[in-house]
Protein backbone atom coordinates (compact mmCIF):
# COMPACT_ATOMS: atom_id res chain seq x y z
CA MET A 1 139.91 -23.92 147.04
CA SER A 2 137.34 -26.66 147.29
CA PRO A 3 136.54 -27.98 150.75
CA ASN A 4 137.68 -31.46 151.67
CA ARG A 5 135.21 -34.27 152.21
CA GLU A 6 136.33 -34.28 155.84
CA PRO A 7 137.79 -31.28 157.70
CA PRO A 8 141.55 -31.66 158.34
CA LEU A 9 142.19 -33.07 161.83
CA VAL A 10 143.94 -29.92 163.05
CA SER A 11 141.10 -27.68 161.83
CA PHE A 12 138.55 -30.03 163.35
CA LEU A 13 140.31 -29.93 166.71
CA LEU A 14 140.75 -26.15 166.61
CA TYR A 15 137.09 -25.72 165.70
CA HIS A 16 135.91 -27.72 168.68
CA ALA A 17 138.52 -26.21 171.01
CA PHE A 18 137.32 -22.72 170.09
CA LYS A 19 133.69 -23.77 170.36
CA TRP A 20 133.96 -25.29 173.84
CA SER A 21 136.49 -22.84 175.28
CA VAL A 22 135.07 -19.57 173.92
CA VAL A 23 131.80 -19.67 171.96
CA SER A 24 129.74 -22.07 174.05
CA PRO A 25 130.71 -20.57 177.45
CA MET A 26 130.11 -17.06 176.15
CA LEU A 27 126.71 -18.01 174.75
CA HIS A 28 125.50 -19.91 177.81
CA LEU A 29 127.11 -17.92 180.62
CA TYR A 30 127.65 -14.40 179.31
CA PHE A 31 124.55 -14.20 177.08
CA GLN A 32 122.47 -16.61 179.21
CA GLY A 33 121.71 -18.47 175.99
CA LYS A 34 118.60 -20.57 175.54
CA ILE A 35 118.40 -22.97 172.60
CA TYR A 36 115.27 -24.70 171.34
CA GLY A 37 114.71 -27.17 168.50
CA THR A 38 118.10 -28.87 168.20
CA GLU A 39 116.25 -32.11 167.46
CA ASN A 40 115.33 -30.59 164.06
CA VAL A 41 118.95 -30.50 162.89
CA PRO A 42 120.11 -33.34 160.60
CA GLN A 43 123.69 -34.16 161.57
CA THR A 44 124.76 -35.47 158.16
CA GLY A 45 124.28 -34.45 154.55
CA PRO A 46 124.09 -31.07 152.84
CA LEU A 47 122.07 -28.45 154.68
CA LEU A 48 121.22 -24.76 154.21
CA VAL A 49 120.92 -22.99 157.57
CA VAL A 50 118.93 -19.79 156.99
CA SER A 51 118.54 -17.22 159.73
CA ASN A 52 117.89 -13.63 160.59
CA HIS A 53 120.90 -11.40 161.25
CA ALA A 54 121.38 -8.61 163.76
CA SER A 55 125.02 -8.72 164.91
CA ASN A 56 128.51 -9.77 163.91
CA TYR A 57 128.34 -12.44 166.63
CA ASP A 58 125.61 -14.36 164.79
CA PRO A 59 127.75 -16.78 162.69
CA PRO A 60 129.54 -18.49 165.61
CA ILE A 61 126.33 -18.51 167.66
CA VAL A 62 124.43 -20.27 164.85
CA SER A 63 127.24 -22.77 164.30
CA ASN A 64 127.37 -23.55 168.01
CA CYS A 65 123.62 -24.10 168.26
CA VAL A 66 123.16 -26.43 165.29
CA CYS A 67 125.90 -28.70 166.68
CA ARG A 68 127.77 -29.20 163.42
CA PRO A 69 130.33 -27.12 161.50
CA VAL A 70 128.66 -24.49 159.32
CA ALA A 71 130.37 -22.60 156.49
CA HIS A 72 128.94 -19.09 156.63
CA MET A 73 128.82 -16.44 153.96
CA ALA A 74 130.13 -13.32 155.69
CA LYS A 75 130.58 -9.79 154.39
CA GLU A 76 134.15 -9.26 153.27
CA GLU A 77 134.58 -6.27 155.61
CA LEU A 78 134.58 -8.65 158.60
CA PHE A 79 137.78 -10.23 157.33
CA ARG A 80 139.57 -6.94 158.02
CA ILE A 81 138.76 -6.96 161.75
CA PRO A 82 141.49 -8.49 163.95
CA VAL A 83 140.43 -11.39 166.21
CA LEU A 84 136.93 -11.52 164.65
CA LYS A 85 138.56 -12.43 161.34
CA GLN A 86 140.33 -15.41 162.89
CA ALA A 87 137.23 -16.46 164.81
CA ILE A 88 134.84 -16.49 161.86
CA ALA A 89 137.42 -18.08 159.55
CA LEU A 90 137.88 -20.87 162.09
CA TYR A 91 134.11 -21.32 162.01
CA GLY A 92 134.15 -21.84 158.24
CA ALA A 93 133.21 -18.31 157.14
CA TYR A 94 134.14 -17.17 153.66
CA PRO A 95 133.83 -13.62 152.24
CA VAL A 96 131.00 -12.39 150.05
CA SER A 97 130.79 -9.00 148.34
CA ARG A 98 127.64 -7.17 149.35
CA GLY A 99 125.57 -5.49 146.66
CA SER A 100 126.82 -7.74 143.88
CA ALA A 101 126.09 -11.17 142.44
CA ASP A 102 129.09 -12.88 144.00
CA ARG A 103 129.34 -16.00 141.90
CA ALA A 104 132.51 -17.10 143.68
CA ALA A 105 130.65 -17.17 147.01
CA ILE A 106 127.80 -19.17 145.49
CA ARG A 107 130.29 -21.64 143.99
CA ALA A 108 131.98 -21.98 147.38
CA ALA A 109 128.63 -22.65 149.06
CA LEU A 110 127.80 -25.35 146.51
CA GLU A 111 131.20 -26.98 147.01
CA TYR A 112 130.71 -27.11 150.77
CA LEU A 113 127.23 -28.58 150.34
CA GLU A 114 128.48 -31.16 147.86
CA ALA A 115 131.05 -32.18 150.46
CA GLY A 116 128.27 -32.72 153.01
CA TRP A 117 128.81 -29.57 155.07
CA ALA A 118 126.11 -27.25 156.33
CA VAL A 119 126.14 -23.74 154.85
CA GLY A 120 124.76 -20.73 156.67
CA VAL A 121 123.04 -17.88 154.85
CA PHE A 122 121.47 -14.79 156.39
CA LEU A 123 118.15 -14.59 154.59
CA GLN A 124 118.07 -10.81 154.28
CA GLY A 125 121.76 -10.61 153.46
CA THR A 126 122.47 -7.88 155.98
CA ARG A 127 121.76 -6.97 159.58
CA THR A 128 118.39 -5.61 160.67
CA LEU A 129 117.74 -3.33 163.63
CA ASP A 130 115.02 -5.45 165.25
CA GLY A 131 116.17 -8.92 164.22
CA ARG A 132 113.14 -9.51 161.99
CA ILE A 133 113.22 -10.23 158.26
CA ASP A 134 111.22 -7.92 156.01
CA ASP A 135 113.14 -8.11 152.73
CA PRO A 136 114.36 -11.70 152.22
CA LYS A 137 116.62 -12.50 149.28
CA ARG A 138 116.31 -15.53 147.00
CA GLY A 139 120.00 -16.50 147.18
CA ALA A 140 119.57 -19.22 149.81
CA ALA A 141 116.70 -20.82 147.90
CA LEU A 142 118.75 -20.72 144.69
CA ILE A 143 121.67 -22.49 146.35
CA ALA A 144 119.31 -25.02 147.94
CA ALA A 145 117.72 -25.75 144.55
CA LYS A 146 121.08 -26.23 142.85
CA ALA A 147 122.34 -28.52 145.61
CA ASN A 148 119.00 -30.20 146.40
CA ALA A 149 119.63 -29.32 150.04
CA PRO A 150 116.86 -28.73 152.59
CA LEU A 151 116.66 -25.40 154.40
CA LEU A 152 116.69 -25.10 158.19
CA PRO A 153 115.11 -21.88 159.57
CA VAL A 154 116.85 -20.45 162.64
CA SER A 155 115.82 -17.43 164.68
CA LEU A 156 118.26 -15.38 166.72
CA TRP A 157 116.52 -13.30 169.39
CA GLY A 158 118.33 -10.58 171.31
CA THR A 159 121.56 -10.40 169.30
CA GLU A 160 120.65 -6.96 167.95
CA LYS A 161 121.49 -5.59 171.42
CA ILE A 162 124.94 -7.18 171.72
CA GLU A 163 127.06 -4.60 169.94
CA VAL A 164 127.58 -1.10 171.30
CA LYS A 165 128.81 1.59 168.94
CA GLY A 166 132.23 2.84 169.92
CA THR A 167 133.29 -0.18 171.97
CA ALA A 168 134.54 -3.66 171.14
CA THR A 169 133.10 -5.15 174.33
CA PRO A 170 129.83 -7.00 173.72
CA ARG A 171 126.90 -6.02 175.89
CA ARG A 172 125.70 -8.72 178.26
CA VAL A 173 122.17 -9.37 177.03
CA PRO A 174 119.98 -12.51 177.01
CA VAL A 175 120.05 -14.41 173.71
CA THR A 176 117.59 -17.06 172.54
CA VAL A 177 118.02 -19.32 169.51
CA ARG A 178 115.08 -21.24 168.07
CA ILE A 179 115.49 -23.85 165.35
CA GLY A 180 112.49 -24.65 163.17
CA GLU A 181 111.48 -27.61 161.05
CA LEU A 182 113.19 -28.44 157.76
CA ILE A 183 111.87 -26.85 154.59
CA PRO A 184 112.37 -28.92 151.41
CA ALA A 185 114.59 -27.53 148.67
CA PRO A 186 112.85 -25.91 145.67
CA ASN A 187 112.26 -28.33 142.80
CA SER A 188 113.69 -25.88 140.27
CA THR A 189 115.41 -22.52 139.92
CA ASP A 190 112.24 -20.91 138.59
CA LYS A 191 112.10 -17.47 140.20
CA TYR A 192 108.50 -17.89 141.35
CA GLU A 193 109.28 -21.13 143.12
CA LEU A 194 112.42 -19.63 144.64
CA GLU A 195 110.38 -16.67 145.88
CA ALA A 196 107.74 -18.97 147.39
CA VAL A 197 110.35 -20.97 149.32
CA THR A 198 112.13 -17.77 150.37
CA GLN A 199 108.91 -16.33 151.78
CA LYS A 200 108.21 -19.61 153.58
CA CYS A 201 111.64 -19.41 155.23
CA ALA A 202 111.12 -15.77 156.20
CA GLN A 203 107.71 -16.50 157.70
CA ALA A 204 109.09 -19.45 159.68
CA ILE A 205 111.99 -17.40 161.06
CA ASN A 206 109.80 -14.42 161.99
CA ALA A 207 107.26 -16.72 163.67
CA LEU A 208 110.08 -18.22 165.78
CA HIS A 209 111.39 -14.74 166.55
CA ASP A 210 107.94 -13.62 167.71
CA LEU A 211 108.08 -16.28 170.44
CA GLY A 212 110.66 -14.09 172.16
CA ARG A 213 112.74 -15.22 175.09
């Protein structure tokens, strides 16, 4: 289903109710969240939000920090987890099959961008143990090129320590989010240009991550 030009009123209200009652308090109080660079976020128009990825809590944290609804590609397995499924769906997440060229997910991303939404993509496509990116994928750059949408690098620091194996309770750890400067969309879908933009995004995110807390 194609996204609407404007989110339905009920969904819009639920999104903000969930953000202000759950996500924002948890980020700021429980995780002692620090956010830098919000002035770099354009509040209108299509936008690719590219970030590192270290926990299942990352999509709502990113959406909260960029201050606008973000449709996130999320691995389909997350849609089988009670509570988390409802939370990420409310935050605009849609499933993507890992290890395959999921054309449906790419089409969905393009539809959201065409409608003026922001779309979130984890640059490496999967979680990393230390939060850094060492094997970025070209998917985000490809989508940006097709939609002529700029890319916004975002670094999540500390989220790799949130989840504890064997328990559903998140660990109380400090989290820092840094938002970098916009990177223009590739001028074409040429693989060399896509790779160059992808590497630029990875370098920007890792440089932000290196700043630490």
